[in-house]
Protein backbone atom coordinates (compact mmCIF):
# COMPACT_ATOMS: atom_id res chain seq x y z
CA MET A 1 -16.25 1.09 -10.84
CA GLY A 2 -14.99 1.76 -7.30
CA TYR A 3 -11.76 2.50 -5.55
CA CYS A 4 -9.12 0.18 -4.23
CA VAL A 5 -7.42 0.42 -0.85
CA TYR A 6 -4.22 -1.63 -0.77
CA VAL A 7 -1.34 -2.63 1.48
CA LEU A 8 2.24 -3.29 0.40
CA GLU A 9 4.96 -5.02 2.39
CA CYS A 10 8.16 -3.02 1.95
CA TYR A 11 11.60 -4.66 2.11
CA ILE A 12 15.17 -3.43 2.44
CA ALA A 13 18.06 -5.85 1.89
CA GLY A 14 15.64 -8.78 1.90
CA SER A 15 14.11 -7.96 5.30
CA PHE A 16 10.62 -6.66 6.02
CA SER A 17 10.69 -2.99 6.92
CA CYS A 18 7.10 -1.68 7.05
CA TYR A 19 3.67 -1.59 5.46
CA TYR A 20 2.60 1.00 2.94
CA VAL A 21 -1.12 1.79 2.70
CA GLY A 22 -2.60 3.56 -0.30
CA GLN A 23 -5.74 3.99 -2.36
CA THR A 24 -6.34 4.36 -6.08
CA ASN A 25 -8.92 3.94 -8.80
CA ASP A 26 -6.42 1.99 -10.96
CA LEU A 27 -4.37 -0.53 -8.99
CA ASN A 28 -2.34 -1.80 -11.95
CA SER A 29 -1.17 1.69 -12.92
CA ARG A 30 -0.45 2.60 -9.30
CA MET A 31 1.66 -0.52 -8.83
CA GLU A 32 3.63 0.35 -11.95
CA GLU A 33 4.28 3.80 -10.47
CA HIS A 34 5.56 2.15 -7.27
CA TYR A 35 7.80 -0.23 -9.23
CA ASP A 36 9.15 2.68 -11.31
CA SER A 37 10.00 4.58 -8.09
CA ILE A 38 11.97 1.56 -6.85
CA ARG A 39 13.78 1.03 -10.17
CA GLU A 40 14.70 4.72 -10.29
CA HIS A 41 15.65 4.82 -6.58
CA ASN A 42 13.33 7.81 -6.31
CA THR A 43 13.74 8.67 -2.64
CA ASP A 44 11.25 11.53 -3.04
CA SER A 45 8.69 8.73 -3.16
CA PHE A 46 8.14 6.76 0.06
CA VAL A 47 8.14 3.43 -1.78
CA GLY A 48 11.23 4.43 -3.79
CA ARG A 49 13.28 4.11 -0.59
CA PHE A 50 12.86 0.33 -0.59
CA ASP A 51 14.41 -2.48 -2.59
CA TYR A 52 11.22 -4.44 -3.07
CA VAL A 53 7.50 -4.19 -2.38
CA LYS A 54 4.84 -6.87 -2.41
CA LEU A 55 1.09 -6.32 -2.73
CA ILE A 56 -0.37 -8.35 0.13
CA TRP A 57 -3.94 -7.09 0.46
CA HIS A 58 -6.53 -4.98 -1.30
CA LYS A 59 -10.20 -4.17 -0.98
CA ILE A 60 -12.58 -2.50 -3.42
CA VAL A 61 -14.90 0.12 -1.93
CA PRO A 62 -17.66 2.02 -3.73
CA THR A 63 -16.48 5.64 -3.46
CA ARG A 64 -13.31 7.67 -3.13
CA GLU A 65 -14.58 8.94 0.22
CA ASP A 66 -14.83 5.33 1.45
CA ALA A 67 -11.30 4.67 0.18
CA VAL A 68 -9.86 7.73 1.91
CA ARG A 69 -11.63 6.81 5.15
CA LEU A 70 -10.37 3.19 5.09
CA GLU A 71 -6.86 4.28 4.07
CA SER A 72 -6.73 6.72 6.99
CA TYR A 73 -7.99 4.08 9.40
CA LEU A 74 -5.40 1.53 8.27
CA LYS A 75 -2.61 4.11 8.48
CA SER A 76 -3.60 4.78 12.09
CA LEU A 77 -3.06 1.12 13.07
CA SER A 78 0.15 -0.43 14.33
CA PRO A 79 1.76 -3.10 12.13
CA SER A 80 0.09 -5.83 14.20
CA GLY A 81 -3.23 -3.97 13.94
CA LYS A 82 -2.87 -3.84 10.16
CA ARG A 83 -2.14 -7.60 10.04
CA SER A 84 -5.17 -8.33 12.21
CA TYR A 85 -7.43 -6.18 10.04
CA MET A 86 -6.16 -7.78 6.81
CA ASN A 87 -6.61 -11.30 8.24
CA HIS A 88 -10.24 -10.60 9.10
CA ASN A 89 -11.34 -8.52 6.10
């Protein structure tokens, strides 16, 4: 099977705000959770603070440990660093 590391673009009032980086073993279910947070305006959830999110990148890795490592690395990058990584991987 594998794990998925993914990046969302987050928008407020139609304007880009930030990237969200996550990892999961079921991307479809995780995206539904994000969409539910937005619909419910669940501000306890990071994504729930936005009006709209868009899945812009994902990568399948073999293990959860690989996913956690890649997620942590991507979170450490600046927005331009994230864009550069996504454009080259």
